[in-house]
């Protein structure tokens, strides 16, 4: 009864690169864990983007606006 969809790894990699580009706007220190996860070191970035919670909200908004995807932070 299952529906099987052929994966499109090229598309996943392209979107992952787009998300990483957004993350790099906020910190030069981005450590990817997988195609859809990464850690950011935002130490010292508060003077540019506000506190880390505000920064996370901005990142999520950028991903939503530019890629029409939902992100968690």
C-alpha atoms as a PDB file:
ATOM      1  CA  UNK A   1       0.000   0.000   0.000  1.00  0.00           C
ATOM      2  CA  UNK A   2       3.057   2.277   0.158  1.00  0.00           C
ATOM      3  CA  UNK A   3       3.890   4.911  -2.404  1.00  0.00           C
ATOM      4  CA  UNK A   4       7.541   4.907  -3.428  1.00  0.00           C
ATOM      5  CA  UNK A   5       9.090   8.072  -4.812  1.00  0.00           C
ATOM      6  CA  UNK A   6      12.421   8.043  -6.591  1.00  0.00           C
ATOM      7  CA  UNK A   7      14.847  10.292  -4.697  1.00  0.00           C
ATOM      8  CA  UNK A   8      16.564  13.184  -6.414  1.00  0.00           C
ATOM      9  CA  UNK A   9      19.933  13.455  -4.658  1.00  0.00           C
ATOM     10  CA  UNK A  10      21.128  16.190  -7.011  1.00  0.00           C
ATOM     11  CA  UNK A  11      18.226  18.377  -5.959  1.00  0.00           C
ATOM     12  CA  UNK A  12      18.882  17.664  -2.264  1.00  0.00           C
ATOM     13  CA  UNK A  13      22.545  18.630  -2.665  1.00  0.00           C
ATOM     14  CA  UNK A  14      21.632  21.839  -4.510  1.00  0.00           C
ATOM     15  CA  UNK A  15      19.168  22.945  -1.822  1.00  0.00           C
ATOM     16  CA  UNK A  16      21.651  21.997   0.904  1.00  0.00           C
ATOM     17  CA  UNK A  17      24.249  24.253  -0.731  1.00  0.00           C
ATOM     18  CA  UNK A  18      21.711  27.088  -0.894  1.00  0.00           C
ATOM     19  CA  UNK A  19      20.945  26.693   2.810  1.00  0.00           C
ATOM     20  CA  UNK A  20      24.660  26.619   3.657  1.00  0.00           C
ATOM     21  CA  UNK A  21      25.126  29.856   1.691  1.00  0.00           C
ATOM     22  CA  UNK A  22      22.435  31.482   3.820  1.00  0.00           C
ATOM     23  CA  UNK A  23      24.099  30.198   7.000  1.00  0.00           C
ATOM     24  CA  UNK A  24      27.474  31.596   5.890  1.00  0.00           C
ATOM     25  CA  UNK A  25      25.933  35.078   5.784  1.00  0.00           C
ATOM     26  CA  UNK A  26      25.601  34.895   9.558  1.00  0.00           C
ATOM     27  CA  UNK A  27      28.863  33.180  10.493  1.00  0.00           C
ATOM     28  CA  UNK A  28      32.006  32.085   8.676  1.00  0.00           C
ATOM     29  CA  UNK A  29      32.118  29.053  10.977  1.00  0.00           C
ATOM     30  CA  UNK A  30      29.497  26.621   9.675  1.00  0.00           C
ATOM     31  CA  UNK A  31      29.955  22.918  10.378  1.00  0.00           C
ATOM     32  CA  UNK A  32      27.603  20.763   8.284  1.00  0.00           C
ATOM     33  CA  UNK A  33      26.441  17.508   9.883  1.00  0.00           C
ATOM     34  CA  UNK A  34      24.386  16.215   6.968  1.00  0.00           C
ATOM     35  CA  UNK A  35      22.501  17.597   3.984  1.00  0.00           C
ATOM     36  CA  UNK A  36      19.967  19.290   6.255  1.00  0.00           C
ATOM     37  CA  UNK A  37      21.798  19.975   9.527  1.00  0.00           C
ATOM     38  CA  UNK A  38      24.650  22.252  10.573  1.00  0.00           C
ATOM     39  CA  UNK A  39      26.178  23.964  13.586  1.00  0.00           C
ATOM     40  CA  UNK A  40      27.055  27.672  13.511  1.00  0.00           C
ATOM     41  CA  UNK A  41      29.542  29.362  15.799  1.00  0.00           C
ATOM     42  CA  UNK A  42      28.001  32.798  16.289  1.00  0.00           C
ATOM     43  CA  UNK A  43      30.428  33.967  18.979  1.00  0.00           C
ATOM     44  CA  UNK A  44      31.025  37.700  18.618  1.00  0.00           C
ATOM     45  CA  UNK A  45      28.354  38.161  15.936  1.00  0.00           C
ATOM     46  CA  UNK A  46      25.855  39.752  18.337  1.00  0.00           C
ATOM     47  CA  UNK A  47      27.025  43.259  17.475  1.00  0.00           C
ATOM     48  CA  UNK A  48      25.953  42.682  13.863  1.00  0.00           C
ATOM     49  CA  UNK A  49      22.796  40.543  14.157  1.00  0.00           C
ATOM     50  CA  UNK A  50      21.565  40.939  17.718  1.00  0.00           C
ATOM     51  CA  UNK A  51      21.315  38.090  20.156  1.00  0.00           C
ATOM     52  CA  UNK A  52      21.532  34.464  18.957  1.00  0.00           C
ATOM     53  CA  UNK A  53      17.767  33.936  19.224  1.00  0.00           C
ATOM     54  CA  UNK A  54      17.140  36.907  16.920  1.00  0.00           C
ATOM     55  CA  UNK A  55      19.804  35.579  14.581  1.00  0.00           C
ATOM     56  CA  UNK A  56      18.092  32.165  14.457  1.00  0.00           C
ATOM     57  CA  UNK A  57      14.789  33.854  13.620  1.00  0.00           C
ATOM     58  CA  UNK A  58      16.449  35.808  10.796  1.00  0.00           C
ATOM     59  CA  UNK A  59      18.047  32.657   9.388  1.00  0.00           C
ATOM     60  CA  UNK A  60      14.718  30.814   9.468  1.00  0.00           C
ATOM     61  CA  UNK A  61      13.016  33.780   7.771  1.00  0.00           C
ATOM     62  CA  UNK A  62      15.686  33.887   5.041  1.00  0.00           C
ATOM     63  CA  UNK A  63      15.281  30.165   4.345  1.00  0.00           C
ATOM     64  CA  UNK A  64      11.488  30.530   4.236  1.00  0.00           C
ATOM     65  CA  UNK A  65      11.588  33.601   1.995  1.00  0.00           C
ATOM     66  CA  UNK A  66      14.288  32.429  -0.424  1.00  0.00           C
ATOM     67  CA  UNK A  67      13.668  28.681  -0.600  1.00  0.00           C
ATOM     68  CA  UNK A  68      10.055  28.335   0.592  1.00  0.00           C
ATOM     69  CA  UNK A  69      11.227  25.800   3.185  1.00  0.00           C
ATOM     70  CA  UNK A  70      10.653  25.525   6.923  1.00  0.00           C
ATOM     71  CA  UNK A  71      13.737  25.362   9.141  1.00  0.00           C
ATOM     72  CA  UNK A  72      14.211  24.706  12.818  1.00  0.00           C
ATOM     73  CA  UNK A  73      16.842  26.301  15.021  1.00  0.00           C
END
